[in-house]
Amino acid sequence: MIDIDHLVSSLDLDDFTPAVILGHQVKGNAATFDFAHIAPLGLQIENAAKNQNKDQVRTLVKMMESEIRLARLKFQ
């Protein structure tokens, strides 16, 4: 899995590859593990990264982190 801090610092260098990979992985893993509400965020991150939209990637990653935190709390 891609490290979020690495992803953010990569965006600062105009490297969108980690964001594309993260989005793709989240999309697939969320669907596989029945977190259907997170899968669309993965797709949106992947697409925003492919379009090299830094602000949108950052916003979506923050949203994804919040959703993951909520899911962790739910399953503790």
N, C-alpha and C. Protein backbone atom coordinates (compact mmCIF):
# COMPACT_ATOMS: atom_id res chain seq x y z
N MET A 1 0.85 -1.19 0.00
CA MET A 1 0.00 0.00 0.00
C MET A 1 0.89 1.24 0.00
N ILE A 2 0.42 2.28 -0.62
CA ILE A 2 1.14 3.54 -0.73
C ILE A 2 1.03 4.30 0.60
N ASP A 3 2.14 4.86 1.05
CA ASP A 3 2.19 5.70 2.24
C ASP A 3 1.58 7.07 1.89
N ILE A 4 0.63 7.53 2.68
CA ILE A 4 -0.05 8.80 2.40
C ILE A 4 0.92 9.97 2.42
N ASP A 5 1.85 9.98 3.37
CA ASP A 5 2.84 11.07 3.43
C ASP A 5 3.69 11.10 2.16
N HIS A 6 4.06 9.91 1.68
CA HIS A 6 4.84 9.83 0.43
C HIS A 6 4.01 10.35 -0.74
N LEU A 7 2.74 10.00 -0.75
CA LEU A 7 1.85 10.45 -1.83
C LEU A 7 1.79 11.98 -1.85
N VAL A 8 1.58 12.59 -0.69
CA VAL A 8 1.47 14.05 -0.62
C VAL A 8 2.77 14.72 -1.04
N SER A 9 3.90 14.20 -0.58
CA SER A 9 5.18 14.81 -0.98
C SER A 9 5.44 14.59 -2.47
N SER A 10 4.97 13.49 -3.02
CA SER A 10 5.11 13.26 -4.46
C SER A 10 4.31 14.27 -5.27
N LEU A 11 3.14 14.64 -4.78
CA LEU A 11 2.34 15.65 -5.46
C LEU A 11 3.08 16.98 -5.53
N ASP A 12 3.81 17.30 -4.46
CA ASP A 12 4.59 18.54 -4.44
C ASP A 12 5.66 18.54 -5.53
N LEU A 13 6.07 17.34 -5.97
CA LEU A 13 7.07 17.20 -7.02
C LEU A 13 6.44 16.92 -8.38
N ASP A 14 5.11 17.10 -8.47
CA ASP A 14 4.36 16.83 -9.70
C ASP A 14 4.45 15.36 -10.14
N ASP A 15 4.61 14.47 -9.16
CA ASP A 15 4.62 13.03 -9.43
C ASP A 15 3.27 12.48 -8.99
N PHE A 16 2.43 12.13 -9.94
CA PHE A 16 1.08 11.66 -9.65
C PHE A 16 0.98 10.14 -9.61
N THR A 17 2.06 9.44 -9.91
CA THR A 17 2.04 7.98 -9.95
C THR A 17 1.57 7.35 -8.65
N PRO A 18 2.10 7.77 -7.48
CA PRO A 18 1.61 7.15 -6.24
C PRO A 18 0.11 7.36 -6.02
N ALA A 19 -0.42 8.50 -6.44
CA ALA A 19 -1.85 8.76 -6.28
C ALA A 19 -2.67 7.87 -7.20
N VAL A 20 -2.19 7.66 -8.42
CA VAL A 20 -2.89 6.76 -9.35
C VAL A 20 -2.91 5.35 -8.76
N ILE A 21 -1.77 4.91 -8.24
CA ILE A 21 -1.67 3.56 -7.66
C ILE A 21 -2.58 3.44 -6.44
N LEU A 22 -2.52 4.43 -5.55
CA LEU A 22 -3.36 4.39 -4.35
C LEU A 22 -4.84 4.34 -4.73
N GLY A 23 -5.25 5.21 -5.62
CA GLY A 23 -6.65 5.22 -6.03
C GLY A 23 -7.10 3.88 -6.58
N HIS A 24 -6.27 3.29 -7.42
CA HIS A 24 -6.60 2.00 -8.01
C HIS A 24 -6.68 0.91 -6.94
N GLN A 25 -5.71 0.91 -6.01
CA GLN A 25 -5.71 -0.10 -4.95
C GLN A 25 -6.92 0.06 -4.03
N VAL A 26 -7.23 1.29 -3.66
CA VAL A 26 -8.36 1.53 -2.77
C VAL A 26 -9.65 1.09 -3.46
N LYS A 27 -9.78 1.43 -4.72
CA LYS A 27 -10.98 1.06 -5.48
C LYS A 27 -11.18 -0.46 -5.44
N GLY A 28 -10.14 -1.20 -5.72
CA GLY A 28 -10.25 -2.67 -5.75
C GLY A 28 -10.40 -3.28 -4.37
N ASN A 29 -9.59 -2.82 -3.43
CA ASN A 29 -9.64 -3.40 -2.09
C ASN A 29 -10.93 -3.07 -1.37
N ALA A 30 -11.43 -1.87 -1.54
CA ALA A 30 -12.69 -1.50 -0.88
C ALA A 30 -13.84 -2.37 -1.38
N ALA A 31 -13.87 -2.62 -2.67
CA ALA A 31 -14.92 -3.47 -3.23
C ALA A 31 -14.76 -4.91 -2.73
N THR A 32 -13.53 -5.39 -2.69
CA THR A 32 -13.26 -6.76 -2.27
C THR A 32 -13.68 -7.00 -0.82
N PHE A 33 -13.41 -6.01 0.04
CA PHE A 33 -13.68 -6.18 1.47
C PHE A 33 -14.99 -5.55 1.91
N ASP A 34 -15.87 -5.28 0.95
CA ASP A 34 -17.23 -4.82 1.21
C ASP A 34 -17.29 -3.45 1.90
N PHE A 35 -16.41 -2.55 1.46
CA PHE A 35 -16.48 -1.15 1.87
C PHE A 35 -16.88 -0.33 0.65
N ALA A 36 -18.08 -0.62 0.17
CA ALA A 36 -18.56 -0.05 -1.09
C ALA A 36 -18.55 1.48 -1.07
N HIS A 37 -18.74 2.09 0.09
CA HIS A 37 -18.78 3.56 0.16
C HIS A 37 -17.40 4.19 -0.03
N ILE A 38 -16.32 3.42 0.14
CA ILE A 38 -14.96 3.94 -0.03
C ILE A 38 -14.47 3.73 -1.47
N ALA A 39 -14.97 2.72 -2.14
CA ALA A 39 -14.52 2.41 -3.51
C ALA A 39 -14.64 3.59 -4.47
N PRO A 40 -15.74 4.35 -4.45
CA PRO A 40 -15.82 5.50 -5.36
C PRO A 40 -14.73 6.55 -5.10
N LEU A 41 -14.32 6.70 -3.85
CA LEU A 41 -13.23 7.64 -3.55
C LEU A 41 -11.95 7.19 -4.23
N GLY A 42 -11.71 5.89 -4.23
CA GLY A 42 -10.54 5.36 -4.93
C GLY A 42 -10.55 5.71 -6.40
N LEU A 43 -11.69 5.52 -7.03
CA LEU A 43 -11.83 5.85 -8.45
C LEU A 43 -11.62 7.35 -8.68
N GLN A 44 -12.19 8.16 -7.81
CA GLN A 44 -12.04 9.61 -7.96
C GLN A 44 -10.59 10.04 -7.76
N ILE A 45 -9.90 9.43 -6.81
CA ILE A 45 -8.47 9.75 -6.60
C ILE A 45 -7.68 9.36 -7.84
N GLU A 46 -7.93 8.16 -8.34
CA GLU A 46 -7.23 7.69 -9.53
C GLU A 46 -7.45 8.64 -10.70
N ASN A 47 -8.69 9.03 -10.94
CA ASN A 47 -9.00 9.93 -12.06
C ASN A 47 -8.40 11.32 -11.86
N ALA A 48 -8.48 11.85 -10.65
CA ALA A 48 -7.91 13.17 -10.38
C ALA A 48 -6.40 13.16 -10.60
N ALA A 49 -5.76 12.06 -10.20
CA ALA A 49 -4.31 11.94 -10.39
C ALA A 49 -3.97 11.84 -11.88
N LYS A 50 -4.75 11.08 -12.61
CA LYS A 50 -4.51 10.96 -14.06
C LYS A 50 -4.69 12.32 -14.75
N ASN A 51 -5.57 13.16 -14.20
CA ASN A 51 -5.78 14.50 -14.75
C ASN A 51 -4.84 15.54 -14.13
N GLN A 52 -3.96 15.06 -13.26
CA GLN A 52 -2.95 15.89 -12.59
C GLN A 52 -3.58 17.07 -11.85
N ASN A 53 -4.65 16.79 -11.14
CA ASN A 53 -5.35 17.80 -10.36
C ASN A 53 -4.94 17.64 -8.89
N LYS A 54 -3.89 18.35 -8.49
CA LYS A 54 -3.34 18.22 -7.14
C LYS A 54 -4.36 18.54 -6.05
N ASP A 55 -5.06 19.64 -6.20
CA ASP A 55 -6.01 20.04 -5.16
C ASP A 55 -7.10 19.01 -4.96
N GLN A 56 -7.60 18.47 -6.05
CA GLN A 56 -8.65 17.46 -5.94
C GLN A 56 -8.10 16.18 -5.32
N VAL A 57 -6.89 15.77 -5.70
CA VAL A 57 -6.29 14.58 -5.10
C VAL A 57 -6.16 14.77 -3.60
N ARG A 58 -5.62 15.91 -3.19
CA ARG A 58 -5.44 16.17 -1.76
C ARG A 58 -6.78 16.13 -1.01
N THR A 59 -7.79 16.76 -1.56
CA THR A 59 -9.11 16.78 -0.93
C THR A 59 -9.68 15.37 -0.81
N LEU A 60 -9.58 14.61 -1.88
CA LEU A 60 -10.12 13.25 -1.88
C LEU A 60 -9.36 12.33 -0.93
N VAL A 61 -8.05 12.50 -0.85
CA VAL A 61 -7.25 11.67 0.07
C VAL A 61 -7.66 11.97 1.51
N LYS A 62 -7.88 13.24 1.83
CA LYS A 62 -8.34 13.59 3.18
C LYS A 62 -9.71 12.97 3.46
N MET A 63 -10.59 12.99 2.48
CA MET A 63 -11.90 12.36 2.64
C MET A 63 -11.75 10.86 2.87
N MET A 64 -10.86 10.23 2.11
CA MET A 64 -10.64 8.79 2.24
C MET A 64 -10.08 8.47 3.62
N GLU A 65 -9.14 9.27 4.10
CA GLU A 65 -8.57 9.04 5.43
C GLU A 65 -9.67 9.12 6.50
N SER A 66 -10.58 10.08 6.37
CA SER A 66 -11.68 10.21 7.32
C SER A 66 -12.59 8.98 7.29
N GLU A 67 -12.90 8.53 6.10
CA GLU A 67 -13.76 7.34 5.96
C GLU A 67 -13.08 6.10 6.56
N ILE A 68 -11.79 5.98 6.37
CA ILE A 68 -11.06 4.83 6.91
C ILE A 68 -11.03 4.90 8.44
N ARG A 69 -10.83 6.09 8.99
CA ARG A 69 -10.86 6.26 10.44
C ARG A 69 -12.21 5.84 11.01
N LEU A 70 -13.28 6.27 10.35
CA LEU A 70 -14.63 5.89 10.80
C LEU A 70 -14.84 4.38 10.72
N ALA A 71 -14.35 3.77 9.66
CA ALA A 71 -14.49 2.31 9.51
C ALA A 71 -13.72 1.59 10.61
N ARG A 72 -12.53 2.09 10.94
CA ARG A 72 -11.75 1.46 12.02
C ARG A 72 -12.49 1.54 13.35
N LEU A 73 -13.07 2.69 13.64
CA LEU A 73 -13.82 2.85 14.88
C LEU A 73 -15.02 1.90 14.92
N LYS A 74 -15.65 1.73 13.80
CA LYS A 74 -16.83 0.86 13.71
C LYS A 74 -16.48 -0.59 14.01
N PHE A 75 -15.27 -1.02 13.61
CA PHE A 75 -14.91 -2.43 13.75
C PHE A 75 -14.00 -2.71 14.94
N GLN A 76 -13.82 -1.73 15.81
CA GLN A 76 -13.00 -1.97 17.03
C GLN A 76 -13.81 -2.61 18.10
